[in-house]
PDB file of N, CA and C in Angstrom:
ATOM      1  N   UNK A   1      57.968 -12.551 -63.093  1.00  0.00           N
ATOM      2  CA  UNK A   1      57.838 -11.293 -62.400  1.00  0.00           C
ATOM      3  C   UNK A   1      58.366 -10.194 -63.326  1.00  0.00           C
ATOM      4  N   UNK A   2      57.697  -9.075 -63.326  1.00  0.00           N
ATOM      5  CA  UNK A   2      58.155  -7.910 -64.084  1.00  0.00           C
ATOM      6  C   UNK A   2      58.508  -6.819 -63.092  1.00  0.00           C
ATOM      7  N   UNK A   3      59.677  -6.254 -63.253  1.00  0.00           N
ATOM      8  CA  UNK A   3      60.119  -5.184 -62.338  1.00  0.00           C
ATOM      9  C   UNK A   3      59.468  -3.877 -62.737  1.00  0.00           C
ATOM     10  N   UNK A   4      59.529  -2.860 -61.862  1.00  0.00           N
ATOM     11  CA  UNK A   4      58.961  -1.545 -62.185  1.00  0.00           C
ATOM     12  C   UNK A   4      59.535  -0.932 -63.449  1.00  0.00           C
ATOM     13  N   UNK A   5      60.762  -1.335 -63.813  1.00  0.00           N
ATOM     14  CA  UNK A   5      61.377  -0.772 -65.029  1.00  0.00           C
ATOM     15  C   UNK A   5      61.100  -1.626 -66.257  1.00  0.00           C
ATOM     16  N   UNK A   6      60.313  -2.696 -66.115  1.00  0.00           N
ATOM     17  CA  UNK A   6      59.887  -3.483 -67.268  1.00  0.00           C
ATOM     18  C   UNK A   6      60.698  -4.729 -67.557  1.00  0.00           C
ATOM     19  N   UNK A   7      61.765  -4.997 -66.773  1.00  0.00           N
ATOM     20  CA  UNK A   7      62.522  -6.217 -67.009  1.00  0.00           C
ATOM     21  C   UNK A   7      61.712  -7.432 -66.549  1.00  0.00           C
ATOM     22  N   UNK A   8      61.823  -8.513 -67.302  1.00  0.00           N
ATOM     23  CA  UNK A   8      61.086  -9.728 -66.972  1.00  0.00           C
ATOM     24  C   UNK A   8      62.048 -10.765 -66.415  1.00  0.00           C
ATOM     25  N   UNK A   9      61.732 -11.262 -65.221  1.00  0.00           N
ATOM     26  CA  UNK A   9      62.483 -12.320 -64.569  1.00  0.00           C
ATOM     27  C   UNK A   9      61.611 -13.571 -64.592  1.00  0.00           C
ATOM     28  N   UNK A  10      62.185 -14.695 -64.983  1.00  0.00           N
ATOM     29  CA  UNK A  10      61.394 -15.920 -65.068  1.00  0.00           C
ATOM     30  C   UNK A  10      62.073 -17.020 -64.278  1.00  0.00           C
ATOM     31  N   UNK A  11      61.318 -17.670 -63.414  1.00  0.00           N
ATOM     32  CA  UNK A  11      61.825 -18.811 -62.660  1.00  0.00           C
ATOM     33  C   UNK A  11      60.832 -19.959 -62.853  1.00  0.00           C
ATOM     34  N   UNK A  12      61.353 -21.075 -63.334  1.00  0.00           N
ATOM     35  CA  UNK A  12      60.537 -22.273 -63.548  1.00  0.00           C
ATOM     36  C   UNK A  12      61.014 -23.363 -62.599  1.00  0.00           C
ATOM     37  N   UNK A  13      60.093 -24.168 -62.162  1.00  0.00           N
ATOM     38  CA  UNK A  13      60.418 -25.357 -61.374  1.00  0.00           C
ATOM     39  C   UNK A  13      60.534 -26.501 -62.364  1.00  0.00           C
ATOM     40  N   UNK A  14      61.608 -27.293 -62.237  1.00  0.00           N
ATOM     41  CA  UNK A  14      61.779 -28.448 -63.123  1.00  0.00           C
ATOM     42  C   UNK A  14      61.072 -29.636 -62.496  1.00  0.00           C
ATOM     43  N   UNK A  15      59.936 -30.062 -63.079  1.00  0.00           N
ATOM     44  CA  UNK A  15      59.134 -31.141 -62.505  1.00  0.00           C
ATOM     45  C   UNK A  15      59.954 -32.404 -62.222  1.00  0.00           C
ATOM     46  N   UNK A  16      59.634 -33.020 -61.087  1.00  0.00           N
ATOM     47  CA  UNK A  16      60.306 -34.241 -60.679  1.00  0.00           C
ATOM     48  C   UNK A  16      61.638 -33.984 -59.967  1.00  0.00           C
ATOM     49  N   UNK A  17      61.964 -32.716 -59.764  1.00  0.00           N
ATOM     50  CA  UNK A  17      63.226 -32.360 -59.094  1.00  0.00           C
ATOM     51  C   UNK A  17      62.945 -31.271 -58.052  1.00  0.00           C
ATOM     52  N   UNK A  18      63.975 -30.911 -57.331  1.00  0.00           N
ATOM     53  CA  UNK A  18      63.907 -29.779 -56.409  1.00  0.00           C
ATOM     54  C   UNK A  18      64.645 -28.570 -57.020  1.00  0.00           C
ATOM     55  N   UNK A  19      64.799 -28.579 -58.330  1.00  0.00           N
ATOM     56  CA  UNK A  19      65.630 -27.583 -59.014  1.00  0.00           C
ATOM     57  C   UNK A  19      64.762 -26.474 -59.611  1.00  0.00           C
ATOM     58  N   UNK A  20      65.216 -25.248 -59.410  1.00  0.00           N
ATOM     59  CA  UNK A  20      64.616 -24.065 -60.032  1.00  0.00           C
ATOM     60  C   UNK A  20      65.535 -23.617 -61.150  1.00  0.00           C
ATOM     61  N   UNK A  21      64.920 -23.193 -62.251  1.00  0.00           N
ATOM     62  CA  UNK A  21      65.680 -22.727 -63.408  1.00  0.00           C
ATOM     63  C   UNK A  21      65.248 -21.283 -63.649  1.00  0.00           C
ATOM     64  N   UNK A  22      66.192 -20.352 -63.542  1.00  0.00           N
ATOM     65  CA  UNK A  22      65.884 -18.949 -63.696  1.00  0.00           C
ATOM     66  C   UNK A  22      66.481 -18.385 -64.979  1.00  0.00           C
ATOM     67  N   UNK A  23      65.743 -17.468 -65.573  1.00  0.00           N
ATOM     68  CA  UNK A  23      66.213 -16.767 -66.765  1.00  0.00           C
ATOM     69  C   UNK A  23      66.061 -15.271 -66.492  1.00  0.00           C
ATOM     70  N   UNK A  24      67.178 -14.572 -66.512  1.00  0.00           N
ATOM     71  CA  UNK A  24      67.196 -13.131 -66.296  1.00  0.00           C
ATOM     72  C   UNK A  24      66.760 -12.425 -67.583  1.00  0.00           C
ATOM     73  N   UNK A  25      66.337 -11.181 -67.437  1.00  0.00           N
ATOM     74  CA  UNK A  25      65.921 -10.412 -68.618  1.00  0.00           C
ATOM     75  C   UNK A  25      67.063 -10.240 -69.612  1.00  0.00           C
ATOM     76  N   UNK A  26      68.330 -10.395 -69.140  1.00  0.00           N
ATOM     77  CA  UNK A  26      69.472 -10.238 -70.052  1.00  0.00           C
ATOM     78  C   UNK A  26      69.762 -11.528 -70.820  1.00  0.00           C
ATOM     79  N   UNK A  27      69.067 -12.615 -70.460  1.00  0.00           N
ATOM     80  CA  UNK A  27      69.256 -13.863 -71.179  1.00  0.00           C
ATOM     81  C   UNK A  27      70.092 -14.897 -70.457  1.00  0.00           C
ATOM     82  N   UNK A  28      70.793 -14.487 -69.383  1.00  0.00           N
ATOM     83  CA  UNK A  28      71.598 -15.444 -68.624  1.00  0.00           C
ATOM     84  C   UNK A  28      70.689 -16.389 -67.863  1.00  0.00           C
ATOM     85  N   UNK A  29      71.167 -17.623 -67.693  1.00  0.00           N
ATOM     86  CA  UNK A  29      70.386 -18.654 -67.003  1.00  0.00           C
ATOM     87  C   UNK A  29      71.143 -19.161 -65.789  1.00  0.00           C
ATOM     88  N   UNK A  30      70.393 -19.646 -64.792  1.00  0.00           N
ATOM     89  CA  UNK A  30      70.972 -20.115 -63.533  1.00  0.00           C
ATOM     90  C   UNK A  30      70.048 -21.166 -62.956  1.00  0.00           C
ATOM     91  N   UNK A  31      70.608 -22.195 -62.313  1.00  0.00           N
ATOM     92  CA  UNK A  31      69.783 -23.179 -61.633  1.00  0.00           C
ATOM     93  C   UNK A  31      70.189 -23.199 -60.165  1.00  0.00           C
ATOM     94  N   UNK A  32      69.220 -23.490 -59.301  1.00  0.00           N
ATOM     95  CA  UNK A  32      69.470 -23.564 -57.860  1.00  0.00           C
ATOM     96  C   UNK A  32      68.321 -24.335 -57.220  1.00  0.00           C
ATOM     97  N   UNK A  33      68.601 -24.927 -56.077  1.00  0.00           N
ATOM     98  CA  UNK A  33      67.546 -25.597 -55.323  1.00  0.00           C
ATOM     99  C   UNK A  33      66.899 -24.665 -54.304  1.00  0.00           C
ATOM    100  N   UNK A  34      67.587 -23.597 -53.950  1.00  0.00           N
ATOM    101  CA  UNK A  34      67.114 -22.670 -52.938  1.00  0.00           C
ATOM    102  C   UNK A  34      66.485 -21.450 -53.593  1.00  0.00           C
ATOM    103  N   UNK A  35      65.198 -21.174 -53.336  1.00  0.00           N
ATOM    104  CA  UNK A  35      64.569 -20.020 -53.965  1.00  0.00           C
ATOM    105  C   UNK A  35      65.219 -18.681 -53.562  1.00  0.00           C
ATOM    106  N   UNK A  36      65.721 -18.590 -52.350  1.00  0.00           N
ATOM    107  CA  UNK A  36      66.382 -17.354 -51.932  1.00  0.00           C
ATOM    108  C   UNK A  36      67.644 -17.127 -52.747  1.00  0.00           C
ATOM    109  N   UNK A  37      68.430 -18.187 -52.928  1.00  0.00           N
ATOM    110  CA  UNK A  37      69.635 -18.086 -53.765  1.00  0.00           C
ATOM    111  C   UNK A  37      69.282 -17.639 -55.161  1.00  0.00           C
ATOM    112  N   UNK A  38      68.196 -18.184 -55.712  1.00  0.00           N
ATOM    113  CA  UNK A  38      67.778 -17.822 -57.069  1.00  0.00           C
ATOM    114  C   UNK A  38      67.431 -16.348 -57.163  1.00  0.00           C
ATOM    115  N   UNK A  39      66.617 -15.835 -56.228  1.00  0.00           N
ATOM    116  CA  UNK A  39      66.235 -14.438 -56.277  1.00  0.00           C
ATOM    117  C   UNK A  39      67.422 -13.516 -56.022  1.00  0.00           C
ATOM    118  N   UNK A  40      68.328 -13.911 -55.130  1.00  0.00           N
ATOM    119  CA  UNK A  40      69.511 -13.088 -54.917  1.00  0.00           C
ATOM    120  C   UNK A  40      70.330 -12.992 -56.192  1.00  0.00           C
ATOM    121  N   UNK A  41      70.458 -14.096 -56.922  1.00  0.00           N
ATOM    122  CA  UNK A  41      71.187 -14.083 -58.199  1.00  0.00           C
ATOM    123  C   UNK A  41      70.483 -13.174 -59.207  1.00  0.00           C
ATOM    124  N   UNK A  42      69.161 -13.314 -59.286  1.00  0.00           N
ATOM    125  CA  UNK A  42      68.406 -12.502 -60.247  1.00  0.00           C
ATOM    126  C   UNK A  42      68.527 -11.021 -59.931  1.00  0.00           C
ATOM    127  N   UNK A  43      68.323 -10.661 -58.665  1.00  0.00           N
ATOM    128  CA  UNK A  43      68.263  -9.246 -58.294  1.00  0.00           C
ATOM    129  C   UNK A  43      69.633  -8.605 -58.173  1.00  0.00           C
ATOM    130  N   UNK A  44      70.706  -9.398 -58.241  1.00  0.00           N
ATOM    131  CA  UNK A  44      72.058  -8.849 -58.187  1.00  0.00           C
ATOM    132  C   UNK A  44      72.506  -8.284 -59.523  1.00  0.00           C
ATOM    133  N   UNK A  45      71.672  -8.386 -60.537  1.00  0.00           N
ATOM    134  CA  UNK A  45      72.028  -7.947 -61.879  1.00  0.00           C
ATOM    135  C   UNK A  45      72.411  -6.477 -61.864  1.00  0.00           C
ATOM    136  N   UNK A  46      73.494  -6.058 -62.468  1.00  0.00           N
ATOM    137  CA  UNK A  46      74.367  -6.851 -63.313  1.00  0.00           C
ATOM    138  C   UNK A  46      75.503  -7.534 -62.546  1.00  0.00           C
ATOM    139  N   UNK A  47      75.610  -7.292 -61.236  1.00  0.00           N
ATOM    140  CA  UNK A  47      76.644  -7.975 -60.471  1.00  0.00           C
ATOM    141  C   UNK A  47      76.260  -9.431 -60.307  1.00  0.00           C
ATOM    142  N   UNK A  48      77.213 -10.340 -60.424  1.00  0.00           N
ATOM    143  CA  UNK A  48      76.927 -11.760 -60.292  1.00  0.00           C
ATOM    144  C   UNK A  48      76.770 -12.447 -61.643  1.00  0.00           C
ATOM    145  N   UNK A  49      76.435 -11.681 -62.658  1.00  0.00           N
ATOM    146  CA  UNK A  49      76.382 -12.211 -64.007  1.00  0.00           C
ATOM    147  C   UNK A  49      76.349 -11.065 -65.005  1.00  0.00           C
ATOM    148  N   UNK A  50      76.770 -11.369 -66.211  1.00  0.00           N
ATOM    149  CA  UNK A  50      76.787 -10.381 -67.262  1.00  0.00           C
ATOM    150  C   UNK A  50      75.878 -10.854 -68.388  1.00  0.00           C
ATOM    151  N   UNK A  51      75.384  -9.945 -69.225  1.00  0.00           N
ATOM    152  CA  UNK A  51      74.546 -10.358 -70.362  1.00  0.00           C
ATOM    153  C   UNK A  51      75.258 -11.356 -71.253  1.00  0.00           C
ATOM    154  N   UNK A  52      74.476 -12.261 -71.864  1.00  0.00           N
ATOM    155  CA  UNK A  52      75.060 -13.238 -72.772  1.00  0.00           C
ATOM    156  C   UNK A  52      75.790 -12.515 -73.884  1.00  0.00           C
ATOM    157  N   UNK A  53      76.907 -13.137 -74.314  1.00  0.00           N
ATOM    158  CA  UNK A  53      77.685 -12.554 -75.374  1.00  0.00           C
ATOM    159  C   UNK A  53      78.780 -11.637 -74.861  1.00  0.00           C
ATOM    160  N   UNK A  54      78.788 -11.392 -73.545  1.00  0.00           N
ATOM    161  CA  UNK A  54      79.826 -10.557 -72.939  1.00  0.00           C
ATOM    162  C   UNK A  54      80.863 -11.480 -72.336  1.00  0.00           C
ATOM    163  N   UNK A  55      82.115 -11.274 -72.678  1.00  0.00           N
ATOM    164  CA  UNK A  55      83.173 -12.116 -72.122  1.00  0.00           C
ATOM    165  C   UNK A  55      83.444 -11.705 -70.683  1.00  0.00           C
ATOM    166  N   UNK A  56      83.782 -12.701 -69.850  1.00  0.00           N
ATOM    167  CA  UNK A  56      84.061 -12.434 -68.427  1.00  0.00           C
ATOM    168  C   UNK A  56      85.533 -12.213 -68.222  1.00  0.00           C
TER     169      UNK A  56
END
């Protein structure tokens, strides 16, 4: 999915599992079984995760 501002969000289904693997436009990755949880994580950016290379 591409947002109106041009960020690309990618969610892949891992074959043979019930697991979704998401990659935010900032490079952070997340896995979840619930699609709602995955989209909430993605759309919470930057809250909930920080770009890779940033210390927490």
